[in-house]
N, C-alpha and C. Protein backbone atom coordinates (compact mmCIF):
# COMPACT_ATOMS: atom_id res chain seq x y z
N UNK A 1 170.87 -52.79 46.46
CA UNK A 1 169.52 -53.21 47.10
C UNK A 1 168.71 -51.93 48.02
N UNK A 2 167.74 -51.67 47.46
CA UNK A 2 166.90 -50.55 48.11
C UNK A 2 166.35 -51.28 49.30
N UNK A 3 166.46 -50.44 50.20
CA UNK A 3 165.66 -50.67 51.67
C UNK A 3 164.51 -50.09 51.71
N UNK A 4 163.29 -50.82 52.21
CA UNK A 4 162.14 -50.15 52.28
C UNK A 4 162.14 -49.83 53.84
N UNK A 5 161.63 -48.86 54.47
CA UNK A 5 161.59 -48.48 55.74
C UNK A 5 159.99 -47.72 56.19
N UNK A 6 159.27 -47.98 57.06
CA UNK A 6 157.99 -47.46 57.53
C UNK A 6 157.90 -47.38 58.82
N UNK A 7 157.84 -46.13 59.05
CA UNK A 7 157.47 -45.95 60.85
C UNK A 7 156.13 -45.56 60.79
N UNK A 8 155.65 -45.78 62.13
CA UNK A 8 154.15 -45.46 62.54
C UNK A 8 154.23 -44.73 63.88
N UNK A 9 153.70 -43.47 64.03
CA UNK A 9 153.62 -43.27 65.42
C UNK A 9 152.24 -42.73 65.61
N UNK A 10 151.42 -42.87 66.35
CA UNK A 10 149.97 -42.53 66.50
C UNK A 10 149.66 -42.67 67.97
N UNK A 11 148.60 -42.21 68.61
CA UNK A 11 147.98 -42.21 69.71
C UNK A 11 146.30 -42.66 69.63
N UNK A 12 146.04 -43.72 70.29
CA UNK A 12 144.99 -44.29 70.19
C UNK A 12 144.28 -44.77 71.32
N UNK A 13 142.92 -45.04 71.59
CA UNK A 13 142.62 -45.88 72.97
C UNK A 13 143.21 -47.07 72.77
N UNK A 14 142.76 -47.54 74.31
CA UNK A 14 143.39 -48.86 74.22
C UNK A 14 142.74 -50.12 73.49
N UNK A 15 141.76 -49.96 73.39
CA UNK A 15 140.87 -50.89 72.38
C UNK A 15 141.24 -50.65 70.97
N UNK A 16 141.55 -49.71 70.68
CA UNK A 16 142.36 -49.51 69.28
C UNK A 16 143.25 -50.17 69.13
N UNK A 17 144.36 -50.02 70.04
CA UNK A 17 145.83 -50.43 70.19
C UNK A 17 145.74 -52.19 70.22
N UNK A 18 144.63 -52.33 71.14
CA UNK A 18 144.19 -54.16 71.14
C UNK A 18 144.29 -54.51 69.89
N UNK A 19 143.14 -54.02 69.04
CA UNK A 19 142.62 -54.38 67.76
C UNK A 19 143.62 -54.55 66.94
N UNK A 20 144.90 -53.53 66.84
CA UNK A 20 146.04 -53.58 66.06
C UNK A 20 147.03 -54.60 66.51
N UNK A 21 147.27 -54.81 67.59
CA UNK A 21 148.09 -56.03 67.81
C UNK A 21 147.55 -57.29 67.80
N UNK A 22 146.08 -57.54 67.62
CA UNK A 22 145.22 -58.75 67.34
C UNK A 22 145.42 -58.92 65.93
N UNK A 23 145.50 -57.74 65.01
CA UNK A 23 145.86 -57.98 63.70
C UNK A 23 147.00 -58.55 63.29
N UNK A 24 148.08 -57.92 64.20
CA UNK A 24 149.50 -58.46 64.18
C UNK A 24 149.58 -59.91 64.44
N UNK A 25 149.05 -60.22 65.56
CA UNK A 25 149.14 -61.78 65.97
C UNK A 25 148.60 -62.72 64.67
N UNK A 26 147.61 -62.19 64.27
CA UNK A 26 146.92 -62.85 63.02
C UNK A 26 147.89 -62.98 62.04
N UNK A 27 148.52 -61.97 61.51
CA UNK A 27 149.30 -61.74 60.19
C UNK A 27 150.37 -62.50 60.53
N UNK A 28 151.15 -63.03 61.82
CA UNK A 28 152.16 -63.05 62.15
C UNK A 28 151.89 -64.80 61.99
N UNK A 29 150.72 -65.20 62.49
CA UNK A 29 150.32 -66.40 62.44
C UNK A 29 150.35 -67.20 61.00
N UNK A 30 149.92 -66.38 60.22
CA UNK A 30 150.01 -66.55 58.53
C UNK A 30 151.04 -66.40 57.90
N UNK A 31 152.16 -65.59 58.63
CA UNK A 31 153.60 -65.47 57.91
C UNK A 31 153.95 -64.77 57.09
N UNK A 32 152.92 -63.54 57.23
CA UNK A 32 152.84 -62.39 56.04
C UNK A 32 152.32 -61.00 56.97
N UNK A 33 153.06 -59.89 56.99
CA UNK A 33 152.56 -58.80 57.68
C UNK A 33 152.74 -57.73 56.37
N UNK A 34 151.35 -57.19 56.22
CA UNK A 34 151.35 -56.15 55.24
C UNK A 34 150.99 -54.78 56.10
N UNK A 35 151.84 -53.99 55.78
CA UNK A 35 151.74 -52.85 56.77
C UNK A 35 151.22 -51.49 56.01
N UNK A 36 150.47 -50.86 55.88
CA UNK A 36 150.13 -49.72 55.62
C UNK A 36 149.92 -48.31 55.92
N UNK A 37 150.84 -47.40 55.49
CA UNK A 37 150.54 -45.74 56.07
C UNK A 37 150.23 -44.93 54.84
N UNK A 38 148.88 -44.37 54.79
CA UNK A 38 148.82 -43.77 53.54
C UNK A 38 148.80 -44.47 52.53
N UNK A 39 149.79 -43.85 51.57
CA UNK A 39 149.97 -44.43 50.27
C UNK A 39 151.24 -45.66 50.09
N UNK A 40 152.00 -45.54 51.55
CA UNK A 40 153.13 -46.53 51.71
C UNK A 40 152.97 -47.72 52.24
N UNK A 41 153.52 -49.11 51.77
CA UNK A 41 153.00 -50.12 52.31
C UNK A 41 154.46 -51.18 51.99
N UNK A 42 154.41 -51.68 53.04
CA UNK A 42 155.62 -52.83 53.40
C UNK A 42 155.14 -53.91 53.75
N UNK A 43 155.74 -54.88 53.15
CA UNK A 43 155.23 -56.49 53.30
C UNK A 43 156.59 -57.20 53.81
N UNK A 44 156.41 -57.74 54.89
CA UNK A 44 157.35 -58.52 55.73
C UNK A 44 156.86 -59.98 55.99
N UNK A 45 157.78 -61.05 55.99
CA UNK A 45 157.47 -62.14 55.60
C UNK A 45 158.57 -63.00 56.78
N UNK A 46 157.93 -62.86 58.18
CA UNK A 46 158.76 -63.38 59.46
C UNK A 46 159.28 -64.83 59.03
N UNK A 47 160.57 -64.99 59.36
CA UNK A 47 161.20 -66.24 59.33
C UNK A 47 161.69 -66.86 60.65
N UNK A 48 161.34 -68.08 61.06
CA UNK A 48 162.15 -68.81 62.13
C UNK A 48 163.67 -68.80 61.97
N UNK A 49 164.45 -68.50 63.28
CA UNK A 49 163.91 -67.96 64.60
C UNK A 49 163.57 -66.46 64.84
N UNK A 50 162.39 -66.08 65.37
CA UNK A 50 162.30 -64.54 65.44
C UNK A 50 162.95 -64.14 67.06
N UNK A 51 163.73 -63.01 66.84
CA UNK A 51 164.09 -62.42 68.21
C UNK A 51 163.00 -61.43 68.48
N UNK A 52 162.89 -61.92 69.69
CA UNK A 52 161.63 -61.20 70.55
C UNK A 52 162.36 -60.23 71.45
N UNK A 53 162.41 -58.90 71.60
CA UNK A 53 162.94 -58.11 72.42
C UNK A 53 161.69 -57.49 72.89
N UNK A 54 161.71 -57.46 74.54
CA UNK A 54 160.84 -56.61 75.31
C UNK A 54 161.24 -55.88 76.26
N UNK A 55 160.86 -54.46 76.69
CA UNK A 55 161.74 -53.71 77.44
C UNK A 55 160.46 -52.55 77.88
N UNK A 56 160.14 -53.05 79.08
CA UNK A 56 158.91 -52.17 80.18
C UNK A 56 159.86 -51.31 80.91
N UNK A 57 159.18 -50.19 81.22
CA UNK A 57 159.57 -49.30 82.22
C UNK A 57 158.49 -48.56 83.06
N UNK A 58 158.79 -48.45 84.47
CA UNK A 58 157.99 -47.92 85.43
C UNK A 58 158.71 -47.27 86.20
N UNK A 59 158.26 -46.37 86.70
CA UNK A 59 159.02 -45.31 87.87
C UNK A 59 158.18 -45.86 89.14
N UNK A 60 159.16 -46.54 89.85
CA UNK A 60 158.64 -47.11 91.28
C UNK A 60 158.73 -46.23 92.20
N UNK A 61 157.73 -46.05 93.33
CA UNK A 61 157.94 -45.27 94.65
C UNK A 61 157.00 -44.13 94.60
N UNK A 62 156.74 -43.70 93.14
CA UNK A 62 155.64 -42.65 93.11
C UNK A 62 154.79 -42.87 92.04
N UNK A 63 153.63 -41.91 91.90
CA UNK A 63 152.85 -41.89 90.75
C UNK A 63 153.29 -41.71 89.47
N UNK A 64 153.81 -42.55 88.52
CA UNK A 64 153.98 -42.30 87.41
C UNK A 64 153.36 -41.67 86.47
N UNK A 65 153.82 -40.86 85.66
CA UNK A 65 152.74 -40.20 84.75
C UNK A 65 152.99 -40.97 83.24
N UNK A 66 153.90 -41.59 83.34
CA UNK A 66 154.27 -42.23 82.03
C UNK A 66 154.91 -43.74 82.35
N UNK A 67 154.65 -44.61 81.47
CA UNK A 67 154.87 -46.08 81.68
C UNK A 67 155.25 -46.43 80.43
N UNK A 68 156.27 -47.26 79.99
CA UNK A 68 156.52 -47.45 78.69
C UNK A 68 156.67 -49.15 78.38
N UNK A 69 156.46 -49.63 77.20
CA UNK A 69 156.60 -51.06 76.88
C UNK A 69 156.92 -51.14 75.37
N UNK A 70 157.86 -51.28 74.91
CA UNK A 70 158.76 -51.44 73.75
C UNK A 70 158.78 -52.78 73.52
N UNK A 71 158.09 -53.43 72.33
CA UNK A 71 158.30 -54.62 71.70
C UNK A 71 159.02 -54.34 70.20
N UNK A 72 159.99 -55.27 70.15
CA UNK A 72 160.77 -55.48 68.80
C UNK A 72 161.10 -56.77 68.50
N UNK A 73 160.46 -57.17 67.04
CA UNK A 73 160.80 -58.48 66.48
C UNK A 73 161.70 -58.31 65.24
N UNK A 74 162.48 -59.17 65.12
CA UNK A 74 163.69 -59.30 64.23
C UNK A 74 163.80 -60.56 63.54
N UNK A 75 164.18 -60.99 62.32
CA UNK A 75 164.71 -62.14 61.91
C UNK A 75 165.49 -61.87 60.67
N UNK A 76 166.12 -62.77 60.41
CA UNK A 76 166.91 -62.83 59.20
C UNK A 76 166.08 -64.09 58.19
N UNK A 77 166.33 -63.63 56.91
CA UNK A 77 165.67 -64.26 55.95
C UNK A 77 166.16 -65.80 55.65
N UNK A 78 167.88 -65.94 55.88
CA UNK A 78 168.20 -67.54 55.80
C UNK A 78 168.56 -67.90 57.08
N UNK A 79 168.10 -67.52 58.18
CA UNK A 79 168.73 -67.94 59.26
C UNK A 79 167.70 -69.16 59.91
N UNK A 80 168.24 -70.24 60.27
CA UNK A 80 167.27 -71.61 60.50
C UNK A 80 167.25 -71.89 61.83
N UNK A 81 168.65 -71.71 62.48
CA UNK A 81 168.79 -72.28 63.80
C UNK A 81 168.04 -71.32 64.91
N UNK A 82 167.37 -72.27 65.73
CA UNK A 82 166.71 -71.13 66.59
C UNK A 82 167.79 -70.82 67.85
N UNK A 83 167.50 -69.51 68.29
CA UNK A 83 168.57 -68.77 69.21
C UNK A 83 167.62 -69.06 70.43
N UNK A 84 168.33 -69.72 71.88
CA UNK A 84 167.80 -69.56 73.22
C UNK A 84 168.00 -68.20 73.96
N UNK A 85 166.65 -67.48 74.29
CA UNK A 85 166.96 -66.25 74.70
C UNK A 85 166.35 -66.49 76.21
N UNK A 86 166.14 -65.31 76.80
CA UNK A 86 165.80 -65.35 78.68
C UNK A 86 164.06 -65.65 78.49
N UNK A 87 163.98 -66.51 79.48
CA UNK A 87 162.67 -66.98 79.97
C UNK A 87 161.66 -66.14 80.61
N UNK A 88 160.75 -66.00 79.75
CA UNK A 88 159.71 -64.70 80.48
C UNK A 88 158.48 -65.14 80.35
N UNK A 89 157.37 -64.41 81.21
CA UNK A 89 156.04 -64.82 80.94
C UNK A 89 155.37 -63.12 80.94
N UNK A 90 153.88 -63.03 80.14
CA UNK A 90 153.08 -61.82 80.19
C UNK A 90 151.84 -62.35 80.99
N UNK A 91 151.65 -61.75 81.70
CA UNK A 91 150.17 -61.80 82.39
C UNK A 91 149.40 -60.83 82.57
N UNK A 92 148.50 -60.87 83.34
CA UNK A 92 147.52 -59.62 83.75
C UNK A 92 147.62 -59.79 85.29
N UNK A 93 148.27 -60.50 85.75
CA UNK A 93 148.56 -60.90 87.33
C UNK A 93 149.40 -60.42 87.85
N UNK A 94 149.20 -59.93 88.73
CA UNK A 94 150.45 -59.06 89.70
C UNK A 94 151.17 -60.06 90.46
N UNK A 95 152.54 -59.79 90.81
CA UNK A 95 153.21 -60.89 91.21
C UNK A 95 152.91 -61.44 92.36
N UNK A 96 152.11 -60.69 93.14
CA UNK A 96 151.60 -61.42 94.74
C UNK A 96 150.34 -62.16 94.37
N UNK A 97 149.82 -62.27 93.04
CA UNK A 97 148.42 -63.18 92.80
C UNK A 97 149.31 -64.61 92.55
N UNK A 98 148.27 -65.67 93.09
CA UNK A 98 148.48 -66.96 92.87
C UNK A 98 148.19 -67.12 91.38
N UNK A 99 149.33 -68.00 90.92
CA UNK A 99 149.15 -68.17 89.46
C UNK A 99 148.37 -69.61 88.98
């Protein structure tokens, strides 16, 4: 069985990244992701449960030149049983702000 692989690396404005993430969310809601890079296309059909891995990195104690956020989504076509993971929230509010 052949495996398709498509990797995208780019630099963009935050507005362009937000636009792509909004397309990602809309496609996840529809249950189908079609990703195109030049003449290459890969179609993914996410199935529950979806493993959601998030990694955030910032240098504390000094003005950092680089920060990083990595998001990985994984699923298996035949898996049906939800897997319990870490509890977390994503917000624009700093920890000192009242929720």
